[in-house]
C-alpha atoms as a PDB file:
ATOM      1  CA  MET A   1       0.093   0.089   0.133  1.00  0.00           C
ATOM      2  CA  ALA A   2       1.447   3.352  -0.963  1.00  0.00           C
ATOM      3  CA  LEU A   3       1.103   5.651   2.131  1.00  0.00           C
ATOM      4  CA  GLU A   4       3.180   8.573   1.172  1.00  0.00           C
ATOM      5  CA  GLY A   5       1.234  11.766   1.524  1.00  0.00           C
ATOM      6  CA  LEU A   6      -1.923  10.015   2.480  1.00  0.00           C
ATOM      7  CA  LEU A   7      -2.223  11.595   5.945  1.00  0.00           C
ATOM      8  CA  GLU A   8      -0.148  14.685   5.112  1.00  0.00           C
ATOM      9  CA  GLY A   9      -0.756  17.879   7.512  1.00  0.00           C
ATOM     10  CA  ARG A  10      -2.755  15.695   9.898  1.00  0.00           C
ATOM     11  CA  THR A  11      -1.986  15.168  13.477  1.00  0.00           C
ATOM     12  CA  VAL A  12      -2.862  11.658  14.992  1.00  0.00           C
ATOM     13  CA  LEU A  13      -2.676  10.334  18.667  1.00  0.00           C
ATOM     14  CA  VAL A  14      -1.749   6.871  19.039  1.00  0.00           C
ATOM     15  CA  THR A  15      -2.134   5.264  22.515  1.00  0.00           C
ATOM     16  CA  GLY A  16       0.013   2.343  23.850  1.00  0.00           C
ATOM     17  CA  ALA A  17       2.658   3.424  21.127  1.00  0.00           C
ATOM     18  CA  ALA A  18       5.595   2.599  22.958  1.00  0.00           C
ATOM     19  CA  ARG A  19       5.877  -0.941  21.534  1.00  0.00           C
ATOM     20  CA  GLY A  20       4.077  -3.610  19.602  1.00  0.00           C
ATOM     21  CA  ILE A  21       1.157  -2.824  17.444  1.00  0.00           C
ATOM     22  CA  GLY A  22       0.986   0.756  18.724  1.00  0.00           C
ATOM     23  CA  HIS A  23       4.707   1.377  17.678  1.00  0.00           C
ATOM     24  CA  GLY A  24       3.863  -0.286  14.152  1.00  0.00           C
ATOM     25  CA  ILE A  25       0.748   2.213  13.817  1.00  0.00           C
ATOM     26  CA  ALA A  26       3.024   5.175  14.941  1.00  0.00           C
ATOM     27  CA  ASP A  27       5.471   4.216  12.231  1.00  0.00           C
ATOM     28  CA  ALA A  28       2.827   3.780   9.507  1.00  0.00           C
ATOM     29  CA  VAL A  29       0.972   7.206  10.114  1.00  0.00           C
ATOM     30  CA  SER A  30       4.473   8.973  10.221  1.00  0.00           C
ATOM     31  CA  GLU A  31       5.165   7.189   6.907  1.00  0.00           C
ATOM     32  CA  ALA A  32       1.837   8.578   5.621  1.00  0.00           C
ATOM     33  CA  GLY A  33       2.952  12.064   6.391  1.00  0.00           C
ATOM     34  CA  ALA A  34       1.088  12.749   9.919  1.00  0.00           C
ATOM     35  CA  ARG A  35       2.452  14.339  12.846  1.00  0.00           C
ATOM     36  CA  VAL A  36       2.236  11.816  15.603  1.00  0.00           C
ATOM     37  CA  ALA A  37       1.669  11.811  19.230  1.00  0.00           C
ATOM     38  CA  LEU A  38       2.691   8.874  21.063  1.00  0.00           C
ATOM     39  CA  LEU A  39       0.791   8.137  24.427  1.00  0.00           C
ATOM     40  CA  ASP A  40       1.895   5.438  26.838  1.00  0.00           C
ATOM     41  CA  LEU A  41       1.858   4.551  30.490  1.00  0.00           C
ATOM     42  CA  ASP A  42       5.724   4.005  29.655  1.00  0.00           C
ATOM     43  CA  ALA A  43       6.868   7.458  29.269  1.00  0.00           C
ATOM     44  CA  THR A  44      10.550   6.472  28.522  1.00  0.00           C
ATOM     45  CA  GLY A  45       9.408   3.980  25.975  1.00  0.00           C
ATOM     46  CA  ALA A  46       7.157   6.539  24.353  1.00  0.00           C
ATOM     47  CA  ARG A  47      10.052   9.088  24.262  1.00  0.00           C
ATOM     48  CA  GLU A  48      12.266   6.538  22.631  1.00  0.00           C
ATOM     49  CA  ALA A  49       9.736   5.704  20.031  1.00  0.00           C
ATOM     50  CA  ALA A  50       9.153   9.385  19.212  1.00  0.00           C
ATOM     51  CA  THR A  51      12.953   9.968  18.995  1.00  0.00           C
ATOM     52  CA  ALA A  52      13.127   7.115  16.393  1.00  0.00           C
ATOM     53  CA  LEU A  53      10.361   8.881  14.459  1.00  0.00           C
ATOM     54  CA  GLU A  54      11.879  12.378  14.574  1.00  0.00           C
ATOM     55  CA  ALA A  55      15.405  10.935  13.274  1.00  0.00           C
ATOM     56  CA  ARG A  56      13.366   9.943   9.951  1.00  0.00           C
ATOM     57  CA  GLY A  57      12.019  13.547   9.932  1.00  0.00           C
ATOM     58  CA  CYS A  58       8.572  13.005  11.500  1.00  0.00           C
ATOM     59  CA  GLU A  59       7.163  15.634  13.851  1.00  0.00           C
ATOM     60  CA  ALA A  60       6.498  13.464  17.082  1.00  0.00           C
ATOM     61  CA  LEU A  61       5.327  14.207  20.624  1.00  0.00           C
ATOM     62  CA  ALA A  62       5.725  11.781  23.190  1.00  0.00           C
ATOM     63  CA  ILE A  63       3.310  11.871  26.391  1.00  0.00           C
ATOM     64  CA  GLY A  64       3.327   9.711  29.401  1.00  0.00           C
ATOM     65  CA  GLY A  65      -0.283   8.990  30.394  1.00  0.00           C
ATOM     66  CA  ASP A  66      -2.933   6.479  31.566  1.00  0.00           C
ATOM     67  CA  VAL A  67      -6.006   6.105  29.119  1.00  0.00           C
ATOM     68  CA  THR A  68      -8.086   5.087  32.070  1.00  0.00           C
ATOM     69  CA  ASP A  69      -7.409   8.581  33.806  1.00  0.00           C
ATOM     70  CA  PRO A  70      -9.672  11.462  32.339  1.00  0.00           C
ATOM     71  CA  VAL A  71      -7.134  14.004  33.903  1.00  0.00           C
ATOM     72  CA  SER A  72      -4.379  12.263  31.888  1.00  0.00           C
ATOM     73  CA  VAL A  73      -5.995  11.958  28.664  1.00  0.00           C
ATOM     74  CA  ARG A  74      -7.471  15.602  28.652  1.00  0.00           C
ATOM     75  CA  GLY A  75      -3.904  16.647  29.561  1.00  0.00           C
ATOM     76  CA  ALA A  76      -2.470  14.767  26.634  1.00  0.00           C
ATOM     77  CA  VAL A  77      -5.126  16.197  24.094  1.00  0.00           C
ATOM     78  CA  ASP A  78      -4.169  19.690  25.479  1.00  0.00           C
ATOM     79  CA  ALA A  79      -0.608  18.994  24.822  1.00  0.00           C
ATOM     80  CA  ILE A  80      -1.375  18.029  21.261  1.00  0.00           C
ATOM     81  CA  LEU A  81      -3.343  21.045  20.559  1.00  0.00           C
ATOM     82  CA  GLU A  82      -0.881  23.306  22.149  1.00  0.00           C
ATOM     83  CA  ARG A  83       2.103  21.770  20.059  1.00  0.00           C
ATOM     84  CA  PHE A  84       0.300  21.206  16.745  1.00  0.00           C
ATOM     85  CA  GLY A  85      -2.777  23.259  16.805  1.00  0.00           C
ATOM     86  CA  ALA A  86      -5.096  20.213  15.671  1.00  0.00           C
ATOM     87  CA  LEU A  87      -6.151  16.562  16.390  1.00  0.00           C
ATOM     88  CA  ASP A  88      -7.482  14.776  13.273  1.00  0.00           C
ATOM     89  CA  GLY A  89      -6.963  11.316  14.208  1.00  0.00           C
ATOM     90  CA  LEU A  90      -7.181   8.990  17.053  1.00  0.00           C
ATOM     91  CA  VAL A  91      -6.007   5.440  17.351  1.00  0.00           C
ATOM     92  CA  ASN A  92      -7.015   3.559  20.543  1.00  0.00           C
ATOM     93  CA  ASN A  93      -4.438   0.903  20.721  1.00  0.00           C
ATOM     94  CA  ALA A  94      -3.581   0.732  24.284  1.00  0.00           C
ATOM     95  CA  GLY A  95      -4.611  -2.679  25.812  1.00  0.00           C
ATOM     96  CA  ALA A  96      -4.156  -5.281  28.829  1.00  0.00           C
ATOM     97  CA  LEU A  97      -4.216  -9.113  28.632  1.00  0.00           C
ATOM     98  CA  ARG A  98      -4.284 -11.423  31.662  1.00  0.00           C
ATOM     99  CA  MET A  99      -4.380 -15.066  30.889  1.00  0.00           C
ATOM    100  CA  ALA A 100      -6.542 -17.302  33.071  1.00  0.00           C
ATOM    101  CA  PRO A 101      -8.952 -20.151  32.706  1.00  0.00           C
ATOM    102  CA  ALA A 102     -12.497 -18.864  33.165  1.00  0.00           C
ATOM    103  CA  LEU A 103     -12.872 -20.537  36.349  1.00  0.00           C
ATOM    104  CA  ASP A 104     -10.042 -18.935  37.945  1.00  0.00           C
ATOM    105  CA  ILE A 105      -9.994 -15.487  36.479  1.00  0.00           C
ATOM    106  CA  GLN A 106      -9.382 -13.069  39.458  1.00  0.00           C
ATOM    107  CA  ALA A 107     -11.540  -9.901  39.768  1.00  0.00           C
ATOM    108  CA  ALA A 108      -8.779  -7.221  39.491  1.00  0.00           C
ATOM    109  CA  ASP A 109      -7.326  -8.920  36.384  1.00  0.00           C
ATOM    110  CA  ALA A 110     -11.043  -8.721  34.583  1.00  0.00           C
ATOM    111  CA  ARG A 111     -11.522  -5.066  35.929  1.00  0.00           C
ATOM    112  CA  LEU A 112      -8.032  -4.163  34.475  1.00  0.00           C
ATOM    113  CA  GLN A 113      -8.867  -5.672  30.994  1.00  0.00           C
ATOM    114  CA  TYR A 114     -12.415  -4.018  31.003  1.00  0.00           C
ATOM    115  CA  ASP A 115     -11.014  -0.545  32.314  1.00  0.00           C
ATOM    116  CA  VAL A 116      -8.010  -0.464  29.682  1.00  0.00           C
ATOM    117  CA  ASN A 117      -9.523  -2.344  26.881  1.00  0.00           C
ATOM    118  CA  VAL A 118     -13.252  -0.682  26.869  1.00  0.00           C
ATOM    119  CA  TYR A 119     -13.273   2.220  29.092  1.00  0.00           C
ATOM    120  CA  GLY A 120      -9.987   3.761  28.032  1.00  0.00           C
ATOM    121  CA  VAL A 121     -11.264   3.341  24.444  1.00  0.00           C
ATOM    122  CA  LEU A 122     -14.477   5.124  25.134  1.00  0.00           C
ATOM    123  CA  LEU A 123     -12.794   7.911  27.328  1.00  0.00           C
ATOM    124  CA  ALA A 124     -10.119   8.784  24.753  1.00  0.00           C
ATOM    125  CA  SER A 125     -12.850   8.694  22.130  1.00  0.00           C
ATOM    126  CA  ARG A 126     -14.957  11.082  23.909  1.00  0.00           C
ATOM    127  CA  ILE A 127     -12.247  13.560  24.704  1.00  0.00           C
ATOM    128  CA  ALA A 128     -10.792  13.461  21.197  1.00  0.00           C
ATOM    129  CA  ALA A 129     -14.280  13.800  19.594  1.00  0.00           C
ATOM    130  CA  ALA A 130     -15.207  16.655  21.813  1.00  0.00           C
ATOM    131  CA  ALA A 131     -12.059  18.579  20.725  1.00  0.00           C
ATOM    132  CA  MET A 132     -12.719  17.706  17.154  1.00  0.00           C
ATOM    133  CA  ILE A 133     -16.369  18.787  17.292  1.00  0.00           C
ATOM    134  CA  GLU A 134     -15.420  22.166  19.290  1.00  0.00           C
ATOM    135  CA  ARG A 135     -12.888  23.128  16.693  1.00  0.00           C
ATOM    136  CA  ARG A 136     -15.266  22.064  13.699  1.00  0.00           C
ATOM    137  CA  MET A 137     -12.477  19.500  12.459  1.00  0.00           C
ATOM    138  CA  ARG A 138     -13.631  16.447  10.482  1.00  0.00           C
ATOM    139  CA  GLY A 139     -11.635  13.577  11.960  1.00  0.00           C
ATOM    140  CA  ALA A 140     -11.137   9.801  12.208  1.00  0.00           C
ATOM    141  CA  ILE A 141     -10.817   7.254  15.048  1.00  0.00           C
ATOM    142  CA  VAL A 142      -9.593   3.682  14.793  1.00  0.00           C
ATOM    143  CA  ASN A 143      -9.978   1.210  17.581  1.00  0.00           C
ATOM    144  CA  VAL A 144      -7.748  -1.746  17.846  1.00  0.00           C
ATOM    145  CA  ALA A 145      -9.846  -4.516  18.780  1.00  0.00           C
ATOM    146  CA  SER A 146      -8.691  -8.089  18.152  1.00  0.00           C
ATOM    147  CA  ASN A 147      -9.940 -11.282  16.244  1.00  0.00           C
ATOM    148  CA  ALA A 148     -10.161 -12.578  19.931  1.00  0.00           C
ATOM    149  CA  GLY A 149     -13.476 -10.202  19.966  1.00  0.00           C
ATOM    150  CA  LYS A 150     -14.988 -12.441  17.166  1.00  0.00           C
ATOM    151  CA  VAL A 151     -13.603 -15.871  17.906  1.00  0.00           C
ATOM    152  CA  GLY A 152     -13.050 -16.213  21.532  1.00  0.00           C
ATOM    153  CA  TYR A 153      -9.927 -18.065  22.838  1.00  0.00           C
ATOM    154  CA  PRO A 154      -9.669 -20.375  25.673  1.00  0.00           C
ATOM    155  CA  ASN A 155      -8.005 -18.767  28.895  1.00  0.00           C
ATOM    156  CA  MET A 156      -8.932 -15.254  27.768  1.00  0.00           C
ATOM    157  CA  ALA A 157     -12.596 -14.912  28.669  1.00  0.00           C
ATOM    158  CA  ALA A 158     -12.226 -11.203  29.753  1.00  0.00           C
ATOM    159  CA  TYR A 159     -10.252 -10.113  26.984  1.00  0.00           C
ATOM    160  CA  ASN A 160     -12.372 -11.840  24.684  1.00  0.00           C
ATOM    161  CA  ALA A 161     -15.269 -10.072  25.952  1.00  0.00           C
ATOM    162  CA  SER A 162     -13.600  -6.589  26.192  1.00  0.00           C
ATOM    163  CA  LYS A 163     -12.499  -6.669  22.470  1.00  0.00           C
ATOM    164  CA  ALA A 164     -16.111  -7.776  21.408  1.00  0.00           C
ATOM    165  CA  ALA A 165     -17.279  -4.593  23.509  1.00  0.00           C
ATOM    166  CA  VAL A 166     -14.645  -2.453  21.426  1.00  0.00           C
ATOM    167  CA  ILE A 167     -16.426  -3.878  18.156  1.00  0.00           C
ATOM    168  CA  ASN A 168     -19.756  -2.919  19.380  1.00  0.00           C
ATOM    169  CA  LEU A 169     -18.582   0.330  20.759  1.00  0.00           C
ATOM    170  CA  THR A 170     -17.171   1.156  17.349  1.00  0.00           C
ATOM    171  CA  ARG A 171     -20.499   0.820  15.724  1.00  0.00           C
ATOM    172  CA  GLY A 172     -22.228   2.968  18.281  1.00  0.00           C
ATOM    173  CA  LEU A 173     -19.848   5.715  17.999  1.00  0.00           C
ATOM    174  CA  ALA A 174     -19.635   5.721  14.201  1.00  0.00           C
ATOM    175  CA  ALA A 175     -23.490   6.257  14.066  1.00  0.00           C
ATOM    176  CA  GLU A 176     -23.457   8.856  16.885  1.00  0.00           C
ATOM    177  CA  TRP A 177     -20.791  10.912  15.756  1.00  0.00           C
ATOM    178  CA  ALA A 178     -21.314  10.790  11.755  1.00  0.00           C
ATOM    179  CA  GLU A 179     -23.100  14.084  11.794  1.00  0.00           C
ATOM    180  CA  HIS A 180     -19.938  15.763  13.220  1.00  0.00           C
ATOM    181  CA  GLY A 181     -17.873  14.566  10.470  1.00  0.00           C
ATOM    182  CA  ILE A 182     -16.104  11.925  12.479  1.00  0.00           C
ATOM    183  CA  ASN A 183     -15.704   8.511  11.245  1.00  0.00           C
ATOM    184  CA  VAL A 184     -15.144   5.357  13.466  1.00  0.00           C
ATOM    185  CA  ASN A 185     -13.990   2.086  12.761  1.00  0.00           C
ATOM    186  CA  ALA A 186     -11.938  -0.836  14.126  1.00  0.00           C
ATOM    187  CA  VAL A 187      -9.244  -3.587  13.298  1.00  0.00           C
ATOM    188  CA  CYS A 188      -9.119  -6.859  14.595  1.00  0.00           C
ATOM    189  CA  PRO A 189      -5.397  -8.097  14.566  1.00  0.00           C
ATOM    190  CA  GLY A 190      -4.300 -11.629  15.177  1.00  0.00           C
ATOM    191  CA  GLY A 191      -0.894 -13.480  14.729  1.00  0.00           C
ATOM    192  CA  VAL A 192       1.021 -10.358  14.999  1.00  0.00           C
ATOM    193  CA  ARG A 193       4.696 -10.419  15.985  1.00  0.00           C
ATOM    194  CA  THR A 194       4.570  -8.723  19.581  1.00  0.00           C
ATOM    195  CA  GLU A 195       5.752  -9.119  23.007  1.00  0.00           C
ATOM    196  CA  MET A 196       2.192  -9.709  24.047  1.00  0.00           C
ATOM    197  CA  LEU A 197       1.842 -12.737  21.740  1.00  0.00           C
ATOM    198  CA  GLU A 198       5.118 -13.904  23.230  1.00  0.00           C
ATOM    199  CA  ARG A 199       3.843 -13.580  26.719  1.00  0.00           C
ATOM    200  CA  VAL A 200       0.777 -15.634  25.655  1.00  0.00           C
ATOM    201  CA  ALA A 201       3.143 -18.620  24.476  1.00  0.00           C
ATOM    202  CA  GLU A 202       4.974 -18.135  27.640  1.00  0.00           C
ATOM    203  CA  TRP A 203       1.876 -18.625  29.705  1.00  0.00           C
ATOM    204  CA  LEU A 204       1.012 -21.615  27.708  1.00  0.00           C
ATOM    205  CA  SER A 205       4.233 -23.293  27.534  1.00  0.00           C
ATOM    206  CA  PRO A 206       4.246 -25.183  31.030  1.00  0.00           C
ATOM    207  CA  ARG A 207       0.530 -25.783  30.788  1.00  0.00           C
ATOM    208  CA  VAL A 208       0.617 -27.840  27.438  1.00  0.00           C
ATOM    209  CA  GLY A 209       4.200 -29.171  27.752  1.00  0.00           C
ATOM    210  CA  THR A 210       5.903 -27.253  24.408  1.00  0.00           C
ATOM    211  CA  ARG A 211       8.554 -24.853  24.646  1.00  0.00           C
ATOM    212  CA  ALA A 212       7.418 -21.171  24.515  1.00  0.00           C
ATOM    213  CA  ASP A 213       9.547 -20.431  21.155  1.00  0.00           C
ATOM    214  CA  GLU A 214       7.998 -23.319  19.562  1.00  0.00           C
ATOM    215  CA  LEU A 215       4.507 -22.137  20.479  1.00  0.00           C
ATOM    216  CA  PHE A 216       5.082 -18.683  19.446  1.00  0.00           C
ATOM    217  CA  ALA A 217       6.529 -20.029  15.983  1.00  0.00           C
ATOM    218  CA  GLY A 218       3.166 -21.877  15.431  1.00  0.00           C
ATOM    219  CA  MET A 219       1.103 -18.661  16.290  1.00  0.00           C
ATOM    220  CA  VAL A 220       0.864 -17.650  12.633  1.00  0.00           C
ATOM    221  CA  PRO A 221      -2.187 -17.164  10.242  1.00  0.00           C
ATOM    222  CA  ALA A 222      -2.633 -20.406   8.226  1.00  0.00           C
ATOM    223  CA  GLN A 223      -2.856 -18.504   4.806  1.00  0.00           C
ATOM    224  CA  LEU A 224      -0.048 -16.255   5.319  1.00  0.00           C
ATOM    225  CA  GLY A 225       2.546 -18.809   7.003  1.00  0.00           C
ATOM    226  CA  ARG A 226       4.169 -16.182   9.096  1.00  0.00           C
ATOM    227  CA  HIS A 227       3.485 -13.493  11.642  1.00  0.00           C
ATOM    228  CA  ILE A 228       1.993 -10.368  10.870  1.00  0.00           C
ATOM    229  CA  GLU A 229       4.294  -7.425  11.452  1.00  0.00           C
ATOM    230  CA  PRO A 230       2.998  -4.367  13.576  1.00  0.00           C
ATOM    231  CA  ILE A 231       3.458  -1.914  10.723  1.00  0.00           C
ATOM    232  CA  GLU A 232       1.194  -4.166   8.390  1.00  0.00           C
ATOM    233  CA  VAL A 233      -1.612  -3.467  10.787  1.00  0.00           C
ATOM    234  CA  GLY A 234      -0.512   0.096  11.057  1.00  0.00           C
ATOM    235  CA  ARG A 235      -0.700   0.660   7.166  1.00  0.00           C
ATOM    236  CA  VAL A 236      -4.365  -0.564   7.321  1.00  0.00           C
ATOM    237  CA  VAL A 237      -5.006   1.658  10.334  1.00  0.00           C
ATOM    238  CA  ALA A 238      -3.418   4.689   8.208  1.00  0.00           C
ATOM    239  CA  PHE A 239      -5.984   3.993   5.459  1.00  0.00           C
ATOM    240  CA  LEU A 240      -8.925   4.000   7.825  1.00  0.00           C
ATOM    241  CA  LEU A 241      -7.692   7.314   8.925  1.00  0.00           C
ATOM    242  CA  SER A 242      -7.549   8.944   5.488  1.00  0.00           C
ATOM    243  CA  GLU A 243     -10.475  10.408   3.338  1.00  0.00           C
ATOM    244  CA  HIS A 244     -10.198   7.419   1.185  1.00  0.00           C
ATOM    245  CA  ALA A 245     -12.021   5.470   3.850  1.00  0.00           C
ATOM    246  CA  LEU A 246     -15.054   7.543   4.223  1.00  0.00           C
ATOM    247  CA  ILE A 247     -17.356   4.937   2.830  1.00  0.00           C
ATOM    248  CA  ILE A 248     -15.932   2.453   5.484  1.00  0.00           C
ATOM    249  CA  ARG A 249     -17.942   3.379   8.673  1.00  0.00           C
ATOM    250  CA  GLY A 250     -18.420   1.316  11.827  1.00  0.00           C
ATOM    251  CA  GLN A 251     -16.689  -1.628  10.645  1.00  0.00           C
ATOM    252  CA  ALA A 252     -14.190  -4.209  12.375  1.00  0.00           C
ATOM    253  CA  LEU A 253     -11.825  -5.128   9.727  1.00  0.00           C
ATOM    254  CA  ASN A 254      -9.732  -8.422  10.134  1.00  0.00           C
ATOM    255  CA  THR A 255      -6.206  -7.796  10.063  1.00  0.00           C
ATOM    256  CA  ASP A 256      -5.345 -11.459  10.889  1.00  0.00           C
ATOM    257  CA  GLY A 257      -4.082 -13.024   7.744  1.00  0.00           C
ATOM    258  CA  GLY A 258      -7.488 -14.649   6.922  1.00  0.00           C
ATOM    259  CA  ASP A 259      -7.922 -16.632  10.036  1.00  0.00           C
ATOM    260  CA  THR A 260     -11.361 -14.889  11.075  1.00  0.00           C
ATOM    261  CA  PRO A 261     -13.897 -15.712   8.339  1.00  0.00           C
ATOM    262  CA  TYR A 262     -16.434 -12.913   9.224  1.00  0.00           C
END
């Protein structure tokens, strides 16, 4: 996909951008010409990622913050508006996963996943959308859900449910904010080469009697035969943030190499 100039002159906020899919999304939107704000609980990681983008000539802003904290998110949006004068796009990527059989899941772990994966998406979307509406800016929001929100995997009940909620939330926000010129979609990755997927393999390893590296190597889309790279998901996100995606609205696009059939 040719991205050069696709998002030229736009400012995009990416949450959970210090590593993994978020880092790949930040790379892709900068590749498409956007100014990028990287929000992450890991402020040091966000700064390192922003420095790498700046070395390529991209305007980047690193912000340490918590997507479940309204003060933190509002502060991030204010910092973006002060630095760049606009906010045209938001990518809700920050996420949490705690593996456990459904019978053993701890309440604190379930709440964490719902708070970050669902409430964090709603909170950041509301604050970003309010800023866009107030300034009469057409904008776009892309939520990073998961193929787990459509399929449902063992030992991930709370995560599955939280990502299914993101898919439905996306549909609701798209319908509600269309009149304000804000387009909302989601992507559903799977089989992406990330630390999170490595941790899944490490958790499963002693329980299935297979080495973690062997499990991880096998966690690839069958049709693709390899892991998906974070920037590949990022390039789809960059397209969804662009004017070319205006006829795609409220959708949850699979970016899992063909594993999920609907």
